[in-house]
Amino acid sequence: MRVVVIEDEKPAARLLERKLHVFGIQPVALLHSVEESIAWLRQNEMPDLMFVDIQLSDGLSFEIFENVPNAGAIIFTTAYDEFALKAFKLNAIDYLLKPIDEDELRSAIDKYKRLRPVEQPFDLTRLRELFASASTTYRERFTIKIGQQLKVIPIGSVECIYSENKGTFIHTTDSRTFAVDGSLDALENELDPKQFFRVSRKFIIPITAIRDIHVYSNSRLKISLPTFKDDDVVVSREKVHEFKQWIK
């Protein structure tokens, strides 16, 4: 049985690997990010079973399966509490709550073996909706320190958020730019996914700020914003399908 572990915390990945050894399973790969997982799955024989953390360092693991849709059976591993996770038992084989209990791991593996002949693809769209609904509190404002003063910027005044020269900035609807604390990865998790979308590694944009969408080179899309004039607000090729679903 070919098994892959996708877990951004390397100690947790190695711990799960050791626990799988108890059941005679040697993972063929330990992967630690969305990007690394997509690349590995595209270049290697598909695994029979994957143990997948939901929230990785560079995004949600659901992005992996949008890019590699036939990646095998999945057992989610996550630190979210059991009540929120009951929803994730849709068509995934199972989920394991961290720290992973050995008896629960055995049960999940046994369940996979029983269901393997009739396994069905899980509903990725529904999983995304359920994951979003498990946390209903999103950032409503940014508080910016300017000299000895604090400026409060409502979330509705944000035209885009971007990274540049290792810094993170927000550009507002009145054409001003402010440095903010936190990376794009961290801020992405604090923003309402119905209102904000990470179009690329560099940009997060709100749906209210989109003025025009143009077909761009290499199967990408270019976004025009009301006041932000950077030419690089481009939806990366791997995000185009998800972006089109989002704007609907």
Protein backbone atom coordinates (compact mmCIF):
# COMPACT_ATOMS: atom_id res chain seq x y z
CA MET A 1 0.00 0.00 0.00
CA ARG A 2 1.48 3.33 -1.10
CA VAL A 3 0.95 5.96 1.61
CA VAL A 4 1.82 9.67 1.62
CA VAL A 5 1.78 12.01 4.62
CA ILE A 6 1.06 15.72 3.98
CA GLU A 7 1.81 17.72 7.12
CA ASP A 8 3.51 21.13 7.37
CA GLU A 9 4.92 20.53 10.87
CA LYS A 10 7.89 18.24 10.28
CA PRO A 11 8.00 16.81 13.85
CA ALA A 12 4.30 15.91 13.54
CA ALA A 13 4.95 14.29 10.15
CA ARG A 14 7.80 12.20 11.55
CA LEU A 15 5.68 11.20 14.58
CA LEU A 16 2.88 9.99 12.31
CA GLU A 17 5.44 8.14 10.21
CA ARG A 18 6.67 6.30 13.31
CA LYS A 19 3.11 5.41 14.31
CA LEU A 20 2.41 4.04 10.83
CA HIS A 21 5.49 1.81 11.16
CA VAL A 22 3.70 0.03 14.01
CA PHE A 23 1.11 -1.12 11.43
CA GLY A 24 3.74 -2.16 8.91
CA ILE A 25 3.27 0.95 6.76
CA GLN A 26 6.24 2.89 5.40
CA PRO A 27 5.14 6.20 3.80
CA VAL A 28 6.68 6.76 0.39
CA ALA A 29 6.82 10.53 0.98
CA LEU A 30 6.47 13.15 3.72
CA LEU A 31 5.27 16.40 2.11
CA HIS A 32 5.04 19.73 3.89
CA SER A 33 3.19 22.27 1.74
CA VAL A 34 0.53 22.70 -0.93
CA GLU A 35 3.14 23.53 -3.57
CA GLU A 36 5.41 20.60 -2.71
CA SER A 37 2.48 18.17 -2.62
CA ILE A 38 1.13 19.23 -6.03
CA ALA A 39 4.58 18.88 -7.59
CA TRP A 40 5.22 15.45 -6.04
CA LEU A 41 1.80 14.03 -6.95
CA ARG A 42 2.17 15.17 -10.55
CA GLN A 43 5.58 13.55 -10.89
CA ASN A 44 5.04 10.25 -9.07
CA GLU A 45 2.71 7.27 -9.06
CA MET A 46 -0.47 8.12 -7.18
CA PRO A 47 -0.62 6.84 -3.59
CA ASP A 48 -3.38 4.52 -2.40
CA LEU A 49 -3.94 6.51 0.78
CA MET A 50 -2.94 9.95 2.05
CA PHE A 51 -2.90 11.37 5.57
CA VAL A 52 -3.52 15.07 5.00
CA ASP A 53 -3.43 18.02 7.39
CA ILE A 54 -6.12 20.55 6.46
CA GLN A 55 -4.26 23.79 7.08
CA LEU A 56 -0.73 23.93 5.63
CA SER A 57 1.84 26.70 5.76
CA ASP A 58 1.00 27.97 2.26
CA GLY A 59 -2.77 27.40 2.20
CA LEU A 60 -5.52 24.84 2.66
CA SER A 61 -4.84 21.30 1.51
CA PHE A 62 -8.03 21.42 -0.60
CA GLU A 63 -5.96 23.35 -3.16
CA ILE A 64 -3.91 20.20 -3.73
CA PHE A 65 -6.92 18.21 -4.88
CA GLU A 66 -8.15 20.98 -7.16
CA ASN A 67 -4.86 20.64 -9.03
CA VAL A 68 -4.50 16.85 -8.66
CA PRO A 69 -8.11 15.60 -8.61
CA ASN A 70 -7.39 11.82 -8.68
CA ALA A 71 -4.93 11.64 -5.82
CA GLY A 72 -6.31 8.61 -3.96
CA ALA A 73 -8.15 8.04 -0.69
CA ILE A 74 -7.77 10.62 2.08
CA ILE A 75 -7.71 10.58 5.86
CA PHE A 76 -7.65 14.12 7.21
CA THR A 77 -5.47 14.97 10.20
CA THR A 78 -6.21 18.20 12.02
CA ALA A 79 -6.11 20.07 15.31
CA TYR A 80 -9.70 21.31 15.02
CA ASP A 81 -12.12 20.09 17.66
CA GLU A 82 -14.34 17.07 17.11
CA PHE A 83 -17.61 19.01 16.93
CA ALA A 84 -16.45 21.10 13.98
CA LEU A 85 -14.92 18.08 12.31
CA LYS A 86 -18.01 15.88 12.18
CA ALA A 87 -18.76 17.70 8.93
CA PHE A 88 -15.54 16.47 7.33
CA LYS A 89 -16.67 12.85 7.44
CA LEU A 90 -18.57 13.32 4.18
CA ASN A 91 -16.70 11.23 1.61
CA ALA A 92 -13.21 11.29 3.06
CA ILE A 93 -12.27 7.96 4.60
CA ASP A 94 -11.96 9.46 8.10
CA TYR A 95 -10.30 12.17 10.14
CA LEU A 96 -7.83 12.00 12.99
CA LEU A 97 -7.74 14.64 15.68
CA LYS A 98 -4.27 15.71 16.80
CA PRO A 99 -2.50 14.45 18.83
CA ILE A 100 -3.23 11.26 16.93
CA ASP A 101 -4.29 8.33 19.09
CA GLU A 102 -2.89 4.94 18.07
CA ASP A 103 -6.26 3.17 18.43
CA GLU A 104 -7.95 5.80 16.25
CA LEU A 105 -5.17 5.46 13.69
CA ARG A 106 -5.72 1.70 13.61
CA SER A 107 -9.46 2.22 13.20
CA ALA A 108 -8.95 4.67 10.31
CA ILE A 109 -6.61 2.28 8.49
CA ASP A 110 -9.05 -0.60 8.98
CA LYS A 111 -11.86 1.59 7.66
CA TYR A 112 -9.82 2.38 4.56
CA LYS A 113 -9.21 -1.32 3.93
CA ARG A 114 -12.94 -2.06 4.25
CA LEU A 115 -14.05 0.79 2.00
CA ARG A 116 -11.23 0.65 -0.54
CA PRO A 117 -13.14 -1.38 -3.19
CA VAL A 118 -16.03 1.10 -3.20
CA GLU A 119 -14.39 4.40 -2.26
CA GLN A 120 -16.00 7.52 -3.72
CA PRO A 121 -14.46 10.91 -4.46
CA PHE A 122 -15.17 13.38 -1.70
CA ASP A 123 -17.11 16.58 -2.29
CA LEU A 124 -14.36 19.20 -2.35
CA THR A 125 -16.72 22.17 -2.71
CA ARG A 126 -18.81 21.07 0.25
CA LEU A 127 -15.70 20.49 2.35
CA ARG A 128 -14.53 24.03 1.65
CA GLU A 129 -17.91 25.44 2.68
CA LEU A 130 -17.92 23.42 5.88
CA PHE A 131 -14.36 24.41 6.72
CA ALA A 132 -15.21 28.07 6.27
CA SER A 133 -18.33 27.75 8.42
CA ALA A 134 -16.34 26.21 11.28
CA SER A 135 -14.81 29.64 11.96
CA THR A 136 -17.18 32.58 11.57
CA THR A 137 -15.05 35.42 12.95
CA TYR A 138 -13.03 37.35 10.39
CA ARG A 139 -10.97 40.52 10.55
CA GLU A 140 -13.12 43.66 10.40
CA ARG A 141 -10.41 46.33 10.44
CA PHE A 142 -6.70 47.06 10.35
CA THR A 143 -5.10 49.25 13.01
CA ILE A 144 -2.04 51.02 11.61
CA LYS A 145 0.55 52.88 13.67
CA ILE A 146 1.65 56.10 11.99
CA GLY A 147 4.24 57.86 14.11
CA GLN A 148 2.59 58.40 17.50
CA GLN A 149 -0.91 57.90 16.13
CA LEU A 150 -3.10 54.91 15.37
CA LYS A 151 -5.22 54.82 12.24
CA VAL A 152 -8.17 52.44 11.94
CA ILE A 153 -8.92 51.21 8.43
CA PRO A 154 -12.24 49.36 8.00
CA ILE A 155 -12.01 46.17 5.99
CA GLY A 156 -14.39 47.68 3.42
CA SER A 157 -11.79 50.35 2.60
CA VAL A 158 -9.18 47.81 1.48
CA GLU A 159 -8.59 47.69 -2.26
CA CYS A 160 -5.85 45.07 -2.14
CA ILE A 161 -3.26 43.52 0.13
CA TYR A 162 0.15 42.68 -1.28
CA SER A 163 3.70 41.70 -0.42
CA GLU A 164 6.78 43.53 -1.63
CA ASN A 165 10.42 43.46 -0.56
CA LYS A 166 9.59 41.10 2.35
CA GLY A 167 6.94 43.52 3.66
CA THR A 168 3.14 43.38 3.63
CA PHE A 169 1.03 46.36 2.58
CA ILE A 170 -2.61 47.33 2.19
CA HIS A 171 -3.75 49.74 -0.50
CA THR A 172 -7.00 51.54 0.30
CA THR A 173 -9.85 52.83 -1.82
CA ASP A 174 -8.63 56.43 -1.29
CA SER A 175 -5.35 55.48 -3.02
CA ARG A 176 -3.16 55.31 0.10
CA THR A 177 -0.74 52.54 1.05
CA PHE A 178 0.15 51.35 4.55
CA ALA A 179 2.56 48.75 5.91
CA VAL A 180 0.88 46.11 8.08
CA ASP A 181 2.09 43.37 10.38
CA GLY A 182 1.82 39.75 9.32
CA SER A 183 2.44 37.78 6.15
CA LEU A 184 -0.07 37.27 3.35
CA ASP A 185 -0.40 33.65 4.48
CA ALA A 186 -1.42 34.75 7.97
CA LEU A 187 -3.74 37.52 6.80
CA GLU A 188 -5.44 35.24 4.26
CA ASN A 189 -6.70 33.07 7.12
CA GLU A 190 -8.12 36.13 8.91
CA LEU A 191 -10.19 37.37 5.95
CA ASP A 192 -13.68 36.29 4.91
CA PRO A 193 -13.13 33.92 1.94
CA LYS A 194 -16.42 35.05 0.43
CA GLN A 195 -15.07 38.60 0.19
CA PHE A 196 -11.31 38.14 -0.32
CA PHE A 197 -9.33 35.93 -2.68
CA ARG A 198 -5.61 35.15 -2.88
CA VAL A 199 -5.05 35.57 -6.62
CA SER A 200 -1.31 34.89 -6.45
CA ARG A 201 1.59 34.66 -4.06
CA LYS A 202 1.77 38.45 -4.06
CA PHE A 203 -1.85 39.68 -3.96
CA ILE A 204 -5.10 39.29 -2.03
CA ILE A 205 -8.05 41.26 -3.44
CA PRO A 206 -11.64 41.86 -2.30
CA ILE A 207 -14.43 41.13 -4.74
CA THR A 208 -15.75 44.68 -4.28
CA ALA A 209 -12.54 46.17 -5.73
CA ILE A 210 -12.58 44.32 -9.06
CA ARG A 211 -13.18 46.82 -11.86
CA ASP A 212 -12.28 44.72 -14.92
CA ILE A 213 -10.98 41.23 -15.66
CA HIS A 214 -8.84 40.73 -18.77
CA VAL A 215 -7.59 37.56 -20.45
CA TYR A 216 -3.82 37.56 -19.96
CA SER A 217 -0.89 35.54 -21.24
CA ASN A 218 -0.26 31.91 -20.31
CA SER A 219 -3.94 31.18 -19.50
CA ARG A 220 -3.99 33.75 -16.69
CA LEU A 221 -6.32 36.64 -15.87
CA LYS A 222 -5.37 40.24 -15.19
CA ILE A 223 -7.35 42.31 -12.66
CA SER A 224 -7.91 46.06 -12.91
CA LEU A 225 -8.50 47.83 -9.59
CA PRO A 226 -9.93 51.35 -9.16
CA THR A 227 -6.79 53.14 -7.90
CA PHE A 228 -3.99 50.57 -7.61
CA LYS A 229 -1.97 50.83 -10.81
CA ASP A 230 0.54 47.99 -10.46
CA ASP A 231 0.53 45.86 -13.62
CA ASP A 232 1.14 42.65 -11.65
CA VAL A 233 -2.36 42.02 -10.25
CA VAL A 234 -2.65 38.77 -12.15
CA VAL A 235 -4.53 35.60 -11.23
CA SER A 236 -1.92 32.84 -11.37
CA ARG A 237 -2.67 29.99 -13.76
CA GLU A 238 -3.29 27.42 -11.01
CA LYS A 239 -5.79 29.78 -9.35
CA VAL A 240 -7.86 30.67 -12.43
CA HIS A 241 -10.48 27.92 -12.08
CA GLU A 242 -11.00 28.59 -8.37
CA PHE A 243 -11.15 32.35 -9.01
CA LYS A 244 -13.86 31.92 -11.63
CA GLN A 245 -15.91 29.86 -9.15
CA TRP A 246 -15.34 32.51 -6.47
CA ILE A 247 -16.59 35.45 -8.54
CA LYS A 248 -19.79 33.56 -9.36
